[in-house]
Amino acid sequence: MSDAPLVIDAGTVLTPAERFTPGRVIVRRGLVESVGAPSDVRLPAGADRLNAPKLTLTPGFIEPHIHGSAGADVMDATFESLGKISRNIARHGTTSFLPTTVSAPPDALGDVLERLASIFCQTFDGAQPVGIHLEGPFICSEKRGAHRAEYIAPPDLSLFREWRRRSDGKLKLITMAPELNGLAGITEDARSSGVVVAMGHSNASYEEARAAIENGIHYAVHTFNAMRPLTHRDPGIAGAVLADDRVFAEIIADGVHVHPQVVRIFARAKGRDRVLLATDATSATDMPDGRYVLGNGVMSVVNGVCRDAEGRLAGSTLTPDAALRNFVRWTGMRLDDALFGLTVNPARALSLDGRGSIEPGARADLALIDQEFRVVKTFVEGRLVWTS
């Protein structure tokens, strides 16, 4: 890492809690040293300079829910596959991500967790893996989505502890259905070991979901999808997620998983500070239509839409920059506020200190975007990892 400071002068800097137009950021040894208006931020001697008067500088994006990209699947659990994912998602502004598993036989899933954990210590050329998201197998069979039915399992505390041990402290997020018996022990064990518990793939009633929220589960995975639907007489888990201001809630803003007008309603319910713009992206992302692997299954992709053999949606080909573009267009939310869903909020929801904002002492994980929200450059710890 170069000792020379880097000065980035952008047309706008969104921290995103503050806006500077124009703005200047000083990066030194991988961290943000200062940020503000150019008149307030003195140029250090011997600095490298980047002038981007027509671009907007934002924090790098954080993806908490991603199964693959560019033909690579997380369940491959190899450095080659994870490296390919890392490089490709950096093209879309992502600087931190949680490789996400799918339900599998217990021993196989343990092997995947162990191999993924061993890879984390290696050097990645793009976005950095910051933890593992264990999605399944403790989910509702009826709401399993593309997870294979034979691998869905009842909650098992000893099994969870074994997986946590094999993940060597890298397990960061686990998705479970809150209505299942036996979750309390896992939730308590997860929380005591720094693992965030999310609810999803669930047929929970409103009351069951509310009980889970009161017990400290404040994260919901791909709201509305693989989830008991909301009706005016039966709000279900979706209603509980929308109504409670403590819950961080993912939304897949691709126009396929959720109708744009429902995304708008969702944004009004959750507000700036609780939206998570998740992708649930698969190995088919940035690839032509065809057949691709999702964990232990095969999916068909037509017009960018992923479906399993039974026709169910099976993840997406969404990228975070496209999600941001869609979200702003459909909801009317200001870019400054919409950015929280890719930066500040996932960092807070997952306790990723030093990420998700541009402020002194934070990691210099940054994205330069144009007026159409296309990513022009991506930096990880001040190092340029992608340029268009």
Protein backbone atom coordinates (compact mmCIF):
# COMPACT_ATOMS: atom_id res chain seq x y z
CA MET A 1 0.00 0.00 0.00
CA SER A 2 1.46 3.37 -1.04
CA ASP A 3 2.40 5.84 1.69
CA ALA A 4 1.57 8.75 -0.61
CA PRO A 5 -1.83 10.21 0.23
CA LEU A 6 -4.54 10.20 -2.43
CA VAL A 7 -6.70 13.26 -3.02
CA ILE A 8 -10.04 12.69 -4.76
CA ASP A 9 -11.83 15.83 -5.92
CA ALA A 10 -15.35 14.95 -7.04
CA GLY A 11 -18.28 16.96 -8.32
CA THR A 12 -20.18 15.68 -5.30
CA VAL A 13 -19.20 13.63 -2.26
CA LEU A 14 -22.00 11.77 -0.45
CA THR A 15 -20.83 10.45 2.88
CA PRO A 16 -23.92 9.74 2.64
CA ALA A 17 -25.08 11.52 5.82
CA GLU A 18 -23.61 14.72 4.37
CA ARG A 19 -23.33 16.13 0.85
CA PHE A 20 -20.40 18.22 -0.37
CA THR A 21 -20.72 19.80 -3.82
CA PRO A 22 -17.94 19.91 -4.83
CA GLY A 23 -16.22 17.62 -2.38
CA ARG A 24 -12.75 16.43 -1.49
CA VAL A 25 -11.58 13.26 0.23
CA ILE A 26 -8.05 12.60 1.47
CA VAL A 27 -7.01 8.93 1.68
CA ARG A 28 -3.90 7.81 3.53
CA ARG A 29 -2.77 4.21 4.20
CA GLY A 30 -6.13 2.77 3.26
CA LEU A 31 -8.22 5.02 5.49
CA VAL A 32 -10.16 8.23 5.02
CA GLU A 33 -8.13 11.03 6.58
CA SER A 34 -10.49 13.92 5.90
CA VAL A 35 -13.59 14.84 3.90
CA GLY A 36 -15.31 18.12 3.14
CA ALA A 37 -15.51 21.04 0.77
CA PRO A 38 -12.23 21.64 -1.10
CA SER A 39 -11.84 25.01 0.61
CA ASP A 40 -11.92 23.27 4.00
CA VAL A 41 -9.63 20.32 3.24
CA ARG A 42 -5.99 21.24 2.79
CA LEU A 43 -3.96 19.45 0.12
CA PRO A 44 -1.21 17.31 1.68
CA ALA A 45 2.28 17.50 0.23
CA GLY A 46 3.30 14.83 -2.27
CA ALA A 47 -0.23 13.56 -2.81
CA ASP A 48 -1.50 11.64 -5.80
CA ARG A 49 -4.57 13.39 -7.24
CA LEU A 50 -7.75 12.27 -8.98
CA ASN A 51 -10.05 14.92 -10.40
CA ALA A 52 -13.61 13.81 -11.15
CA PRO A 53 -15.68 17.01 -11.48
CA LYS A 54 -18.60 15.28 -13.21
CA LEU A 55 -18.80 12.27 -10.89
CA THR A 56 -20.21 11.51 -7.43
CA LEU A 57 -18.08 9.80 -4.78
CA THR A 58 -19.94 7.45 -2.43
CA PRO A 59 -18.97 4.80 0.09
CA GLY A 60 -18.35 1.40 -1.45
CA PHE A 61 -21.41 -0.83 -1.49
CA ILE A 62 -21.96 -3.69 0.94
CA GLU A 63 -23.73 -6.85 -0.32
CA PRO A 64 -25.04 -9.02 2.52
CA HIS A 65 -26.83 -11.55 0.30
CA ILE A 66 -25.04 -12.86 -2.78
CA HIS A 67 -24.79 -16.44 -4.07
CA GLY A 68 -22.52 -15.83 -7.04
CA SER A 69 -21.55 -13.74 -10.05
CA ALA A 70 -19.84 -14.02 -13.44
CA GLY A 71 -20.36 -17.78 -13.67
CA ALA A 72 -18.98 -18.51 -10.19
CA ASP A 73 -21.07 -19.98 -7.35
CA VAL A 74 -20.36 -19.45 -3.65
CA MET A 75 -20.97 -23.14 -2.91
CA ASP A 76 -17.92 -23.98 -5.05
CA ALA A 77 -16.03 -22.67 -2.00
CA THR A 78 -12.76 -22.21 -3.89
CA PHE A 79 -10.45 -19.21 -4.04
CA GLU A 80 -10.85 -19.19 -7.81
CA SER A 81 -14.65 -18.87 -7.60
CA LEU A 82 -14.69 -16.39 -4.74
CA GLY A 83 -12.00 -14.36 -6.48
CA LYS A 84 -14.05 -14.20 -9.66
CA ILE A 85 -17.06 -13.03 -7.66
CA SER A 86 -14.89 -10.47 -5.85
CA ARG A 87 -13.56 -8.98 -9.08
CA ASN A 88 -16.87 -8.88 -10.89
CA ILE A 89 -18.95 -7.29 -8.16
CA ALA A 90 -16.31 -4.57 -7.74
CA ARG A 91 -17.32 -3.46 -11.24
CA HIS A 92 -20.67 -2.54 -9.73
CA GLY A 93 -19.30 -0.60 -6.75
CA THR A 94 -19.30 -3.41 -4.20
CA THR A 95 -16.38 -3.36 -1.79
CA SER A 96 -17.62 -5.74 0.95
CA PHE A 97 -19.80 -8.83 0.66
CA LEU A 98 -21.13 -11.86 2.52
CA PRO A 99 -20.82 -15.02 0.40
CA THR A 100 -24.20 -16.71 0.88
CA THR A 101 -24.84 -20.45 1.04
CA VAL A 102 -27.91 -22.52 0.18
CA SER A 103 -29.35 -25.51 2.03
CA ALA A 104 -27.28 -28.67 1.63
CA PRO A 105 -26.57 -31.94 3.48
CA PRO A 106 -25.11 -31.14 6.93
CA ASP A 107 -21.63 -32.52 6.27
CA ALA A 108 -21.43 -30.89 2.84
CA LEU A 109 -22.51 -27.55 4.28
CA GLY A 110 -19.92 -27.86 7.03
CA ASP A 111 -17.24 -28.52 4.41
CA VAL A 112 -18.33 -25.43 2.46
CA LEU A 113 -18.19 -23.25 5.57
CA GLU A 114 -14.74 -24.55 6.47
CA ARG A 115 -13.35 -24.00 2.98
CA LEU A 116 -14.86 -20.52 2.70
CA ALA A 117 -13.40 -19.53 6.07
CA SER A 118 -9.94 -20.71 5.03
CA ILE A 119 -10.12 -18.57 1.88
CA PHE A 120 -10.89 -15.33 3.71
CA CYS A 121 -7.26 -14.85 4.74
CA GLN A 122 -6.12 -14.65 1.12
CA THR A 123 -5.75 -11.44 -0.88
CA PHE A 124 -8.65 -10.52 -3.15
CA ASP A 125 -8.35 -8.26 -6.17
CA GLY A 126 -11.81 -6.73 -5.75
CA ALA A 127 -14.50 -6.66 -3.09
CA GLN A 128 -13.57 -8.16 0.27
CA PRO A 129 -15.52 -11.01 1.91
CA VAL A 130 -16.40 -9.88 5.44
CA GLY A 131 -18.39 -12.85 6.72
CA ILE A 132 -20.53 -15.78 5.63
CA HIS A 133 -24.31 -15.66 5.28
CA LEU A 134 -25.83 -19.06 6.10
CA GLU A 135 -29.19 -19.11 4.32
CA GLY A 136 -30.96 -22.33 5.30
CA PRO A 137 -31.46 -25.12 6.11
CA PHE A 138 -33.49 -24.03 9.18
CA ILE A 139 -36.30 -22.61 7.06
CA CYS A 140 -39.95 -23.36 6.29
CA SER A 141 -40.29 -26.09 3.67
CA GLU A 142 -43.43 -24.47 2.30
CA LYS A 143 -41.52 -21.22 1.73
CA ARG A 144 -38.22 -22.75 0.71
CA GLY A 145 -38.08 -21.02 -2.69
CA ALA A 146 -35.27 -22.58 -4.73
CA HIS A 147 -33.79 -24.44 -1.74
CA ARG A 148 -34.10 -28.19 -2.31
CA ALA A 149 -36.79 -29.78 -0.13
CA GLU A 150 -34.67 -32.77 0.91
CA TYR A 151 -32.10 -30.47 2.54
CA ILE A 152 -34.49 -28.43 4.69
CA ALA A 153 -33.94 -29.38 8.33
CA PRO A 154 -35.45 -28.59 11.74
CA PRO A 155 -33.41 -26.29 13.98
CA ASP A 156 -30.56 -28.17 15.63
CA LEU A 157 -28.39 -26.31 18.14
CA SER A 158 -25.56 -28.86 18.15
CA LEU A 159 -25.42 -28.78 14.36
CA PHE A 160 -25.36 -24.98 14.34
CA ARG A 161 -22.51 -24.99 16.85
CA GLU A 162 -20.59 -27.43 14.69
CA TRP A 163 -21.06 -25.20 11.64
CA ARG A 164 -20.07 -22.15 13.64
CA ARG A 165 -16.92 -23.96 14.80
CA ARG A 166 -16.03 -24.98 11.26
CA SER A 167 -16.57 -21.44 10.00
CA ASP A 168 -13.76 -20.30 12.33
CA GLY A 169 -15.55 -17.13 13.42
CA LYS A 170 -16.41 -16.10 9.86
CA LEU A 171 -20.14 -16.81 10.16
CA LYS A 172 -21.81 -13.39 10.27
CA LEU A 173 -25.48 -13.89 9.35
CA ILE A 174 -27.93 -16.79 9.53
CA THR A 175 -31.41 -16.82 8.00
CA MET A 176 -34.06 -18.91 9.75
CA ALA A 177 -37.86 -19.16 9.83
CA PRO A 178 -38.96 -17.71 13.19
CA GLU A 179 -42.02 -19.96 13.56
CA LEU A 180 -39.96 -23.16 13.83
CA ASN A 181 -39.57 -24.91 17.17
CA GLY A 182 -36.07 -24.94 18.61
CA LEU A 183 -34.90 -21.55 17.33
CA ALA A 184 -34.49 -19.94 20.75
CA GLY A 185 -31.30 -21.84 21.60
CA ILE A 186 -29.73 -21.10 18.23
CA THR A 187 -30.70 -17.43 18.43
CA GLU A 188 -29.12 -17.09 21.87
CA ASP A 189 -25.96 -18.94 20.82
CA ALA A 190 -25.67 -16.92 17.63
CA ARG A 191 -26.09 -13.60 19.39
CA SER A 192 -23.50 -14.47 22.04
CA SER A 193 -20.98 -15.32 19.31
CA GLY A 194 -21.56 -12.24 17.15
CA VAL A 195 -23.75 -13.88 14.51
CA VAL A 196 -26.72 -11.80 13.34
CA VAL A 197 -29.98 -13.72 13.08
CA ALA A 198 -32.35 -12.91 10.20
CA MET A 199 -35.86 -14.09 9.51
CA GLY A 200 -36.84 -15.32 6.08
CA HIS A 201 -38.16 -18.23 4.03
CA SER A 202 -40.99 -18.17 6.51
CA ASN A 203 -44.71 -18.76 6.87
CA ALA A 204 -44.81 -17.03 10.25
CA SER A 205 -47.94 -15.30 11.43
CA TYR A 206 -47.81 -11.66 12.45
CA GLU A 207 -47.75 -12.74 16.10
CA GLU A 208 -44.92 -15.23 15.57
CA ALA A 209 -42.85 -12.66 13.72
CA ARG A 210 -43.54 -10.04 16.39
CA ALA A 211 -42.34 -12.45 19.06
CA ALA A 212 -39.12 -13.00 17.10
CA ILE A 213 -38.59 -9.25 16.82
CA GLU A 214 -39.14 -8.82 20.55
CA ASN A 215 -36.52 -11.55 21.05
CA GLY A 216 -33.97 -9.50 19.14
CA ILE A 217 -34.29 -10.64 15.52
CA HIS A 218 -34.10 -7.32 13.70
CA TYR A 219 -33.17 -8.40 10.17
CA ALA A 220 -35.48 -9.67 7.41
CA VAL A 221 -34.28 -11.38 4.24
CA HIS A 222 -35.75 -10.51 0.80
CA THR A 223 -38.99 -9.05 2.14
CA PHE A 224 -42.14 -10.39 0.43
CA ASN A 225 -40.28 -13.22 -1.31
CA ALA A 226 -40.50 -16.77 0.12
CA MET A 227 -42.59 -15.19 2.84
CA ARG A 228 -46.20 -15.40 4.00
CA PRO A 229 -47.97 -12.62 2.09
CA LEU A 230 -49.53 -9.58 3.70
CA THR A 231 -53.30 -9.16 3.46
CA HIS A 232 -55.58 -6.67 5.15
CA ARG A 233 -56.84 -9.32 7.58
CA ASP A 234 -53.65 -11.34 7.95
CA PRO A 235 -50.54 -9.13 8.00
CA GLY A 236 -48.23 -12.10 8.55
CA ILE A 237 -44.47 -11.82 8.81
CA ALA A 238 -44.36 -9.22 6.01
CA GLY A 239 -46.67 -6.95 7.97
CA ALA A 240 -44.55 -7.33 11.10
CA VAL A 241 -41.40 -6.45 9.15
CA LEU A 242 -42.98 -3.35 7.62
CA ALA A 243 -44.55 -2.13 10.85
CA ASP A 244 -41.55 -2.36 13.19
CA ASP A 245 -38.95 0.39 12.98
CA ARG A 246 -36.31 -1.81 14.60
CA VAL A 247 -36.14 -4.22 11.66
CA PHE A 248 -33.63 -3.84 8.86
CA ALA A 249 -35.33 -5.26 5.77
CA GLU A 250 -33.89 -6.48 2.48
CA ILE A 251 -35.71 -5.78 -0.76
CA ILE A 252 -34.78 -7.11 -4.22
CA ALA A 253 -35.44 -4.10 -6.45
CA ASP A 254 -35.28 -5.78 -9.85
CA GLY A 255 -38.95 -5.41 -10.82
CA VAL A 256 -39.30 -9.20 -10.98
CA HIS A 257 -39.20 -10.25 -7.34
CA VAL A 258 -41.28 -7.28 -6.17
CA HIS A 259 -43.53 -4.93 -8.18
CA PRO A 260 -42.11 -1.38 -8.39
CA GLN A 261 -45.16 0.09 -6.64
CA VAL A 262 -44.75 -2.37 -3.78
CA VAL A 263 -41.10 -1.30 -3.55
CA ARG A 264 -42.43 2.25 -3.20
CA ILE A 265 -44.77 1.21 -0.38
CA PHE A 266 -41.91 -0.67 1.25
CA ALA A 267 -39.68 2.43 1.13
CA ARG A 268 -42.37 4.54 2.78
CA ALA A 269 -42.83 1.97 5.53
CA LYS A 270 -39.15 1.34 6.32
CA GLY A 271 -37.70 4.77 5.62
CA ARG A 272 -34.13 5.71 4.88
CA ASP A 273 -32.60 4.05 7.93
CA ARG A 274 -33.89 0.47 7.64
CA VAL A 275 -33.87 -0.36 3.91
CA LEU A 276 -31.33 -2.92 2.69
CA LEU A 277 -30.91 -3.05 -1.10
CA ALA A 278 -30.03 -6.72 -1.46
CA THR A 279 -29.38 -8.48 -4.76
CA ASP A 280 -29.65 -12.22 -3.97
CA ALA A 281 -27.45 -12.45 -7.07
CA THR A 282 -26.43 -15.79 -8.58
CA SER A 283 -23.68 -17.13 -10.81
CA ALA A 284 -25.77 -15.99 -13.80
CA THR A 285 -25.14 -12.32 -13.01
CA ASP A 286 -23.42 -10.53 -15.91
CA MET A 287 -23.69 -13.70 -17.99
CA PRO A 288 -25.81 -14.55 -21.06
CA ASP A 289 -29.09 -16.42 -20.69
CA GLY A 290 -28.67 -20.16 -20.25
CA ARG A 291 -28.37 -22.81 -17.55
CA TYR A 292 -26.37 -22.15 -14.39
CA VAL A 293 -25.61 -23.74 -11.05
CA LEU A 294 -27.13 -22.48 -7.82
CA GLY A 295 -25.52 -24.49 -5.04
CA ASN A 296 -26.67 -28.08 -5.55
CA GLY A 297 -29.26 -27.30 -8.23
CA VAL A 298 -29.52 -26.05 -11.78
CA MET A 299 -31.49 -23.00 -12.86
CA SER A 300 -32.55 -21.64 -16.23
CA VAL A 301 -32.08 -17.97 -17.02
CA VAL A 302 -34.32 -16.31 -19.60
CA ASN A 303 -34.21 -12.54 -20.12
CA GLY A 304 -32.09 -12.29 -17.00
CA VAL A 305 -34.68 -14.01 -14.77
CA CYS A 306 -33.51 -17.09 -12.85
CA ARG A 307 -35.91 -20.00 -12.26
CA ASP A 308 -35.45 -23.52 -10.95
CA ALA A 309 -36.78 -26.67 -12.63
CA GLU A 310 -40.21 -26.11 -11.07
CA GLY A 311 -40.44 -22.54 -12.33
CA ARG A 312 -39.78 -20.81 -9.01
CA LEU A 313 -37.61 -17.72 -8.83
CA ALA A 314 -34.06 -18.78 -7.94
CA GLY A 315 -32.11 -15.70 -6.96
CA SER A 316 -31.46 -12.88 -9.40
CA THR A 317 -29.05 -11.30 -11.83
CA LEU A 318 -29.41 -7.92 -10.13
CA THR A 319 -26.39 -5.73 -9.36
CA PRO A 320 -26.31 -3.09 -6.60
CA ASP A 321 -25.86 -0.15 -8.95
CA ALA A 322 -28.94 -1.28 -10.90
CA ALA A 323 -30.84 -1.78 -7.64
CA LEU A 324 -29.96 1.77 -6.60
CA ARG A 325 -31.07 3.14 -9.97
CA ASN A 326 -34.39 1.29 -9.80
CA PHE A 327 -35.01 2.21 -6.18
CA VAL A 328 -34.50 5.93 -6.76
CA ARG A 329 -36.69 5.89 -9.87
CA TRP A 330 -39.53 3.89 -8.33
CA THR A 331 -39.64 5.52 -4.89
CA GLY A 332 -38.62 9.11 -5.60
CA MET A 333 -36.16 8.91 -2.70
CA ARG A 334 -33.14 11.21 -2.96
CA LEU A 335 -29.90 9.53 -3.95
CA ASP A 336 -28.36 10.67 -0.65
CA ASP A 337 -31.02 8.71 1.27
CA ALA A 338 -31.27 5.72 -1.07
CA LEU A 339 -27.52 5.16 -0.68
CA PHE A 340 -28.09 4.23 2.96
CA GLY A 341 -29.54 0.92 1.72
CA LEU A 342 -26.19 -0.08 0.20
CA THR A 343 -23.81 1.49 2.70
CA VAL A 344 -24.71 2.73 6.17
CA ASN A 345 -27.60 0.34 6.83
CA PRO A 346 -25.90 -2.98 6.01
CA ALA A 347 -22.86 -1.82 7.99
CA ARG A 348 -25.07 -1.09 10.99
CA ALA A 349 -27.20 -4.21 10.65
CA LEU A 350 -24.11 -6.42 10.56
CA SER A 351 -21.87 -4.38 12.91
CA LEU A 352 -19.27 -3.82 10.20
CA ASP A 353 -17.34 -1.06 11.91
CA GLY A 354 -15.38 1.31 9.69
CA ARG A 355 -17.39 0.49 6.57
CA GLY A 356 -20.34 2.07 4.84
CA SER A 357 -19.51 5.75 5.25
CA ILE A 358 -16.93 8.34 4.25
CA GLU A 359 -15.59 9.83 7.47
CA PRO A 360 -12.19 10.23 9.12
CA GLY A 361 -10.88 6.86 10.26
CA ALA A 362 -13.19 4.80 8.05
CA ARG A 363 -11.85 2.39 5.47
CA ALA A 364 -11.32 4.09 2.12
CA ASP A 365 -13.81 1.80 0.37
CA LEU A 366 -15.23 4.09 -2.28
CA ALA A 367 -17.20 4.19 -5.52
CA LEU A 368 -17.26 6.90 -8.18
CA ILE A 369 -20.56 6.94 -10.08
CA ASP A 370 -21.92 8.98 -12.96
CA GLN A 371 -25.32 10.65 -13.29
CA GLU A 372 -26.92 7.37 -14.40
CA PHE A 373 -25.50 5.60 -11.32
CA ARG A 374 -23.03 3.67 -13.46
CA VAL A 375 -19.85 2.84 -11.58
CA VAL A 376 -16.75 4.43 -13.06
CA LYS A 377 -14.16 3.53 -10.42
CA THR A 378 -14.09 1.40 -7.28
CA PHE A 379 -11.53 1.63 -4.47
CA VAL A 380 -10.89 -0.87 -1.66
CA GLU A 381 -8.81 0.59 1.18
CA GLY A 382 -7.80 3.36 -1.20
CA ARG A 383 -6.57 0.91 -3.83
CA LEU A 384 -8.14 1.17 -7.29
CA VAL A 385 -9.71 -2.23 -8.04
CA TRP A 386 -11.96 -1.28 -10.94
CA THR A 387 -12.06 1.42 -13.58
CA SER A 388 -14.28 1.62 -16.62
